Amino acid sequence: MAWKFSGKSDVYVQIAEKYENYIKLGVLKNGEKLPSVRTAAEDCGVNPNTVVRAYALLEEKGFIASLPKKGIYVSYTPTSECEELNECELTIASLKEKGVTRQMILSALDKIYKGEEYDD
């Protein structure tokens, strides 16, 4: 099934942003291998050159590293908890701009934490 893309920015930028978010959220962890260009292109429903550009952008930003004849690996480690919180705030601000309400975000947090007690 192909990914859905908006017309707001280039497709390769949108692919890079999705991978960047997966990495920042810990879905893809440091040292984890990414799909090959061909496999990622098939998954996204795009030309392999588009994935090459997305991976190049991620490599420029320091999120991935390409190891010749071995593959492409996540190479991102947040430097501190403070940096992670800043990234979280940026993500929430972006969601707000896209029309996601406070209640929707709180509901998502409740799902993630599954009823854990708050440490206020």
N, C-alpha and C. Protein backbone atom coordinates (compact mmCIF):
# COMPACT_ATOMS: atom_id res chain seq x y z
N MET A 1 0.83 -1.18 0.00
CA MET A 1 0.00 0.00 0.00
C MET A 1 0.88 1.25 0.00
N ALA A 2 0.63 2.16 -0.90
CA ALA A 2 1.44 3.36 -1.03
C ALA A 2 1.10 4.37 0.06
N TRP A 3 2.09 5.15 0.45
CA TRP A 3 1.89 6.22 1.43
C TRP A 3 1.05 7.31 0.78
N LYS A 4 0.40 8.13 1.59
CA LYS A 4 -0.36 9.26 1.07
C LYS A 4 0.47 10.53 1.27
N PHE A 5 0.55 11.32 0.22
CA PHE A 5 1.34 12.54 0.25
C PHE A 5 0.46 13.73 -0.06
N SER A 6 0.76 14.86 0.59
CA SER A 6 0.03 16.09 0.29
C SER A 6 0.80 16.85 -0.77
N GLY A 7 0.19 17.83 -1.35
CA GLY A 7 0.85 18.63 -2.37
C GLY A 7 1.60 19.82 -1.80
N LYS A 8 1.73 19.88 -0.46
CA LYS A 8 2.32 21.05 0.18
C LYS A 8 3.84 21.14 0.02
N SER A 9 4.51 20.00 -0.09
CA SER A 9 5.97 20.02 -0.27
C SER A 9 6.37 18.84 -1.15
N ASP A 10 7.63 18.83 -1.55
CA ASP A 10 8.11 17.75 -2.40
C ASP A 10 7.94 16.40 -1.71
N VAL A 11 7.68 15.38 -2.50
CA VAL A 11 7.45 14.04 -1.96
C VAL A 11 8.67 13.54 -1.19
N TYR A 12 9.87 13.79 -1.71
CA TYR A 12 11.07 13.30 -1.01
C TYR A 12 11.21 13.97 0.36
N VAL A 13 10.80 15.22 0.47
CA VAL A 13 10.85 15.93 1.76
C VAL A 13 9.84 15.29 2.72
N GLN A 14 8.66 14.96 2.22
CA GLN A 14 7.64 14.34 3.06
C GLN A 14 8.08 12.96 3.54
N ILE A 15 8.74 12.21 2.68
CA ILE A 15 9.27 10.89 3.07
C ILE A 15 10.33 11.08 4.15
N ALA A 16 11.24 12.01 3.93
CA ALA A 16 12.30 12.27 4.92
C ALA A 16 11.69 12.69 6.25
N GLU A 17 10.66 13.53 6.22
CA GLU A 17 10.01 13.99 7.46
C GLU A 17 9.37 12.82 8.21
N LYS A 18 8.74 11.91 7.46
CA LYS A 18 8.12 10.75 8.12
C LYS A 18 9.18 9.90 8.80
N TYR A 19 10.27 9.60 8.09
CA TYR A 19 11.34 8.82 8.70
C TYR A 19 11.95 9.57 9.88
N GLU A 20 12.14 10.88 9.74
CA GLU A 20 12.70 11.68 10.83
C GLU A 20 11.81 11.58 12.07
N ASN A 21 10.50 11.68 11.87
CA ASN A 21 9.57 11.56 13.01
C ASN A 21 9.64 10.17 13.63
N TYR A 22 9.71 9.13 12.80
CA TYR A 22 9.83 7.76 13.33
C TYR A 22 11.09 7.62 14.18
N ILE A 23 12.16 8.24 13.73
CA ILE A 23 13.43 8.16 14.45
C ILE A 23 13.34 8.95 15.76
N LYS A 24 12.81 10.16 15.71
CA LYS A 24 12.70 10.99 16.91
C LYS A 24 11.78 10.36 17.95
N LEU A 25 10.73 9.70 17.48
CA LEU A 25 9.78 9.08 18.40
C LEU A 25 10.26 7.73 18.92
N GLY A 26 11.37 7.23 18.36
CA GLY A 26 11.91 5.96 18.82
C GLY A 26 11.32 4.75 18.15
N VAL A 27 10.50 4.95 17.14
CA VAL A 27 9.96 3.83 16.38
C VAL A 27 11.11 3.14 15.65
N LEU A 28 11.99 3.96 15.08
CA LEU A 28 13.23 3.47 14.49
C LEU A 28 14.35 3.88 15.42
N LYS A 29 15.09 2.92 15.92
CA LYS A 29 16.11 3.19 16.94
C LYS A 29 17.51 3.28 16.35
N ASN A 30 18.41 3.92 17.09
CA ASN A 30 19.80 4.04 16.68
C ASN A 30 20.38 2.66 16.38
N GLY A 31 21.00 2.53 15.22
CA GLY A 31 21.60 1.27 14.81
C GLY A 31 20.68 0.37 14.01
N GLU A 32 19.41 0.72 13.93
CA GLU A 32 18.45 -0.09 13.18
C GLU A 32 18.61 0.14 11.68
N LYS A 33 18.50 -0.92 10.92
CA LYS A 33 18.66 -0.83 9.47
C LYS A 33 17.36 -0.36 8.83
N LEU A 34 17.49 0.59 7.89
CA LEU A 34 16.34 1.06 7.13
C LEU A 34 16.14 0.17 5.91
N PRO A 35 14.95 0.20 5.33
CA PRO A 35 14.72 -0.58 4.12
C PRO A 35 15.63 -0.10 2.99
N SER A 36 15.95 -1.01 2.09
CA SER A 36 16.74 -0.61 0.93
C SER A 36 15.97 0.43 0.13
N VAL A 37 16.67 1.15 -0.72
CA VAL A 37 16.03 2.17 -1.54
C VAL A 37 14.90 1.56 -2.36
N ARG A 38 15.15 0.44 -2.95
CA ARG A 38 14.15 -0.22 -3.80
C ARG A 38 12.92 -0.62 -2.98
N THR A 39 13.15 -1.21 -1.81
CA THR A 39 12.05 -1.64 -0.96
C THR A 39 11.25 -0.45 -0.46
N ALA A 40 11.94 0.59 -0.01
CA ALA A 40 11.25 1.79 0.47
C ALA A 40 10.44 2.44 -0.65
N ALA A 41 10.99 2.46 -1.86
CA ALA A 41 10.28 3.03 -3.00
C ALA A 41 8.99 2.26 -3.28
N GLU A 42 9.07 0.94 -3.21
CA GLU A 42 7.87 0.12 -3.42
C GLU A 42 6.85 0.38 -2.31
N ASP A 43 7.32 0.46 -1.06
CA ASP A 43 6.42 0.71 0.08
C ASP A 43 5.72 2.06 -0.05
N CYS A 44 6.47 3.06 -0.50
CA CYS A 44 5.93 4.42 -0.60
C CYS A 44 5.16 4.64 -1.91
N GLY A 45 5.38 3.78 -2.88
CA GLY A 45 4.73 3.95 -4.17
C GLY A 45 5.35 5.08 -4.99
N VAL A 46 6.68 5.20 -4.88
CA VAL A 46 7.39 6.27 -5.59
C VAL A 46 8.57 5.69 -6.36
N ASN A 47 9.19 6.54 -7.17
CA ASN A 47 10.38 6.18 -7.91
C ASN A 47 11.56 6.04 -6.92
N PRO A 48 12.45 5.08 -7.13
CA PRO A 48 13.61 4.92 -6.24
C PRO A 48 14.45 6.20 -6.09
N ASN A 49 14.52 7.01 -7.14
CA ASN A 49 15.29 8.26 -7.04
C ASN A 49 14.72 9.19 -5.98
N THR A 50 13.42 9.14 -5.78
CA THR A 50 12.78 9.96 -4.74
C THR A 50 13.26 9.53 -3.37
N VAL A 51 13.36 8.23 -3.14
CA VAL A 51 13.84 7.71 -1.86
C VAL A 51 15.32 8.05 -1.68
N VAL A 52 16.09 7.98 -2.74
CA VAL A 52 17.51 8.35 -2.67
C VAL A 52 17.64 9.79 -2.17
N ARG A 53 16.81 10.68 -2.70
CA ARG A 53 16.85 12.09 -2.28
C ARG A 53 16.42 12.23 -0.82
N ALA A 54 15.41 11.46 -0.41
CA ALA A 54 14.94 11.52 0.99
C ALA A 54 16.04 11.02 1.93
N TYR A 55 16.66 9.91 1.57
CA TYR A 55 17.74 9.36 2.40
C TYR A 55 18.92 10.33 2.45
N ALA A 56 19.23 10.98 1.34
CA ALA A 56 20.33 11.96 1.31
C ALA A 56 20.03 13.12 2.26
N LEU A 57 18.78 13.56 2.28
CA LEU A 57 18.38 14.64 3.17
C LEU A 57 18.51 14.21 4.64
N LEU A 58 18.08 13.00 4.93
CA LEU A 58 18.21 12.47 6.30
C LEU A 58 19.68 12.33 6.71
N GLU A 59 20.51 11.94 5.75
CA GLU A 59 21.94 11.79 6.05
C GLU A 59 22.56 13.16 6.32
N GLU A 60 22.17 14.16 5.53
CA GLU A 60 22.65 15.53 5.75
C GLU A 60 22.31 16.03 7.14
N LYS A 61 21.11 15.68 7.61
CA LYS A 61 20.64 16.13 8.92
C LYS A 61 21.21 15.29 10.06
N GLY A 62 21.91 14.20 9.73
CA GLY A 62 22.53 13.38 10.76
C GLY A 62 21.62 12.32 11.36
N PHE A 63 20.54 11.99 10.70
CA PHE A 63 19.62 10.98 11.22
C PHE A 63 19.98 9.57 10.78
N ILE A 64 20.63 9.45 9.64
CA ILE A 64 21.01 8.13 9.14
C ILE A 64 22.44 8.16 8.62
N ALA A 65 23.00 6.98 8.46
CA ALA A 65 24.33 6.84 7.88
C ALA A 65 24.30 5.70 6.88
N SER A 66 24.93 5.91 5.77
CA SER A 66 25.01 4.89 4.73
C SER A 66 26.35 4.18 4.84
N LEU A 67 26.28 2.87 5.01
CA LEU A 67 27.49 2.07 5.09
C LEU A 67 27.61 1.27 3.79
N PRO A 68 28.62 1.57 2.97
CA PRO A 68 28.75 0.90 1.68
C PRO A 68 28.69 -0.62 1.80
N LYS A 69 27.88 -1.22 0.95
CA LYS A 69 27.67 -2.67 0.84
C LYS A 69 27.03 -3.29 2.09
N LYS A 70 26.61 -2.46 3.04
CA LYS A 70 25.96 -2.99 4.24
C LYS A 70 24.54 -2.47 4.39
N GLY A 71 24.29 -1.23 3.95
CA GLY A 71 22.95 -0.67 4.05
C GLY A 71 22.94 0.69 4.69
N ILE A 72 21.72 1.11 5.02
CA ILE A 72 21.50 2.42 5.60
C ILE A 72 20.96 2.21 7.00
N TYR A 73 21.59 2.88 7.98
CA TYR A 73 21.26 2.67 9.38
C TYR A 73 20.92 3.98 10.07
N VAL A 74 20.05 3.90 11.06
CA VAL A 74 19.74 5.06 11.89
C VAL A 74 20.98 5.40 12.69
N SER A 75 21.33 6.68 12.72
CA SER A 75 22.52 7.11 13.46
C SER A 75 22.20 8.32 14.32
N TYR A 76 21.01 8.35 14.87
CA TYR A 76 20.56 9.50 15.66
C TYR A 76 20.42 9.12 17.12
N THR A 77 21.04 9.90 17.97
CA THR A 77 20.89 9.73 19.41
C THR A 77 20.64 11.11 20.00
N PRO A 78 19.48 11.33 20.59
CA PRO A 78 19.24 12.63 21.20
C PRO A 78 20.30 12.91 22.27
N THR A 79 20.73 14.15 22.37
CA THR A 79 21.80 14.47 23.31
C THR A 79 21.31 14.60 24.73
N SER A 80 20.04 14.91 24.92
CA SER A 80 19.54 15.05 26.28
C SER A 80 18.03 14.93 26.32
N GLU A 81 17.51 14.75 27.52
CA GLU A 81 16.06 14.70 27.71
C GLU A 81 15.44 16.04 27.32
N CYS A 82 16.16 17.12 27.59
CA CYS A 82 15.68 18.45 27.27
C CYS A 82 15.48 18.58 25.76
N GLU A 83 16.42 18.07 24.98
CA GLU A 83 16.31 18.11 23.52
C GLU A 83 15.10 17.31 23.06
N GLU A 84 14.86 16.16 23.68
CA GLU A 84 13.71 15.34 23.33
C GLU A 84 12.42 16.08 23.63
N LEU A 85 12.36 16.79 24.75
CA LEU A 85 11.17 17.56 25.09
C LEU A 85 10.95 18.70 24.10
N ASN A 86 12.03 19.34 23.68
CA ASN A 86 11.92 20.40 22.67
C ASN A 86 11.36 19.84 21.37
N GLU A 87 11.82 18.66 20.97
CA GLU A 87 11.32 18.02 19.76
C GLU A 87 9.84 17.70 19.92
N CYS A 88 9.46 17.24 21.10
CA CYS A 88 8.06 16.92 21.38
C CYS A 88 7.20 18.18 21.25
N GLU A 89 7.68 19.29 21.81
CA GLU A 89 6.94 20.54 21.72
C GLU A 89 6.78 20.99 20.27
N LEU A 90 7.83 20.83 19.48
CA LEU A 90 7.76 21.19 18.06
C LEU A 90 6.73 20.32 17.34
N THR A 91 6.71 19.04 17.67
CA THR A 91 5.75 18.13 17.05
C THR A 91 4.33 18.52 17.41
N ILE A 92 4.10 18.83 18.68
CA ILE A 92 2.77 19.22 19.12
C ILE A 92 2.34 20.53 18.46
N ALA A 93 3.26 21.48 18.34
CA ALA A 93 2.96 22.75 17.67
C ALA A 93 2.58 22.50 16.21
N SER A 94 3.29 21.59 15.57
CA SER A 94 2.99 21.24 14.18
C SER A 94 1.61 20.61 14.07
N LEU A 95 1.29 19.72 15.01
CA LEU A 95 -0.04 19.10 15.02
C LEU A 95 -1.14 20.14 15.22
N LYS A 96 -0.88 21.09 16.09
CA LYS A 96 -1.86 22.16 16.35
C LYS A 96 -2.12 22.95 15.07
N GLU A 97 -1.05 23.27 14.33
CA GLU A 97 -1.19 24.00 13.07
C GLU A 97 -2.03 23.22 12.06
N LYS A 98 -1.97 21.91 12.14
CA LYS A 98 -2.71 21.05 11.21
C LYS A 98 -4.15 20.80 11.66
N GLY A 99 -4.52 21.43 12.80
CA GLY A 99 -5.90 21.33 13.25
C GLY A 99 -6.18 20.28 14.31
N VAL A 100 -5.13 19.65 14.82
CA VAL A 100 -5.32 18.67 15.89
C VAL A 100 -5.61 19.42 17.18
N THR A 101 -6.69 19.04 17.85
CA THR A 101 -7.09 19.75 19.06
C THR A 101 -6.31 19.26 20.28
N ARG A 102 -6.38 20.06 21.34
CA ARG A 102 -5.73 19.70 22.61
C ARG A 102 -6.29 18.39 23.12
N GLN A 103 -7.61 18.23 23.02
CA GLN A 103 -8.24 17.02 23.52
C GLN A 103 -7.77 15.79 22.74
N MET A 104 -7.56 15.92 21.45
CA MET A 104 -7.08 14.80 20.64
C MET A 104 -5.66 14.41 21.07
N ILE A 105 -4.83 15.41 21.37
CA ILE A 105 -3.46 15.13 21.81
C ILE A 105 -3.48 14.46 23.18
N LEU A 106 -4.31 14.98 24.10
CA LEU A 106 -4.40 14.38 25.43
C LEU A 106 -4.93 12.95 25.35
N SER A 107 -5.87 12.71 24.47
CA SER A 107 -6.39 11.35 24.28
C SER A 107 -5.29 10.42 23.77
N ALA A 108 -4.49 10.91 22.84
CA ALA A 108 -3.36 10.11 22.33
C ALA A 108 -2.36 9.81 23.44
N LEU A 109 -2.08 10.81 24.28
CA LEU A 109 -1.16 10.60 25.40
C LEU A 109 -1.71 9.54 26.36
N ASP A 110 -3.02 9.61 26.63
CA ASP A 110 -3.63 8.61 27.52
C ASP A 110 -3.49 7.20 26.93
N LYS A 111 -3.64 7.08 25.61
CA LYS A 111 -3.47 5.77 24.97
C LYS A 111 -2.03 5.28 25.12
N ILE A 112 -1.09 6.17 24.92
CA ILE A 112 0.33 5.81 25.00
C ILE A 112 0.70 5.38 26.42
N TYR A 113 0.27 6.15 27.40
CA TYR A 113 0.62 5.85 28.78
C TYR A 113 -0.33 4.85 29.44
N LYS A 114 -1.41 4.51 28.79
CA LYS A 114 -2.35 3.46 29.22
C LYS A 114 -2.67 3.50 30.71
N GLY A 115 -3.12 4.69 31.15
CA GLY A 115 -3.59 4.79 32.52
C GLY A 115 -2.52 4.90 33.59
N GLU A 116 -1.25 5.09 33.22
CA GLU A 116 -0.21 5.26 34.24
C GLU A 116 -0.49 6.52 35.05
N GLU A 117 -0.09 6.52 36.29
CA GLU A 117 -0.28 7.68 37.16
C GLU A 117 0.62 8.83 36.69
N TYR A 118 0.13 10.04 36.83
CA TYR A 118 0.91 11.22 36.47
C TYR A 118 1.86 11.59 37.59
N ASP A 119 3.06 12.08 37.23
CA ASP A 119 4.09 12.45 38.21
C ASP A 119 4.13 13.95 38.46
N ASP A 120 3.00 14.61 38.57
CA ASP A 120 2.99 16.07 38.76
C ASP A 120 3.55 16.45 40.09
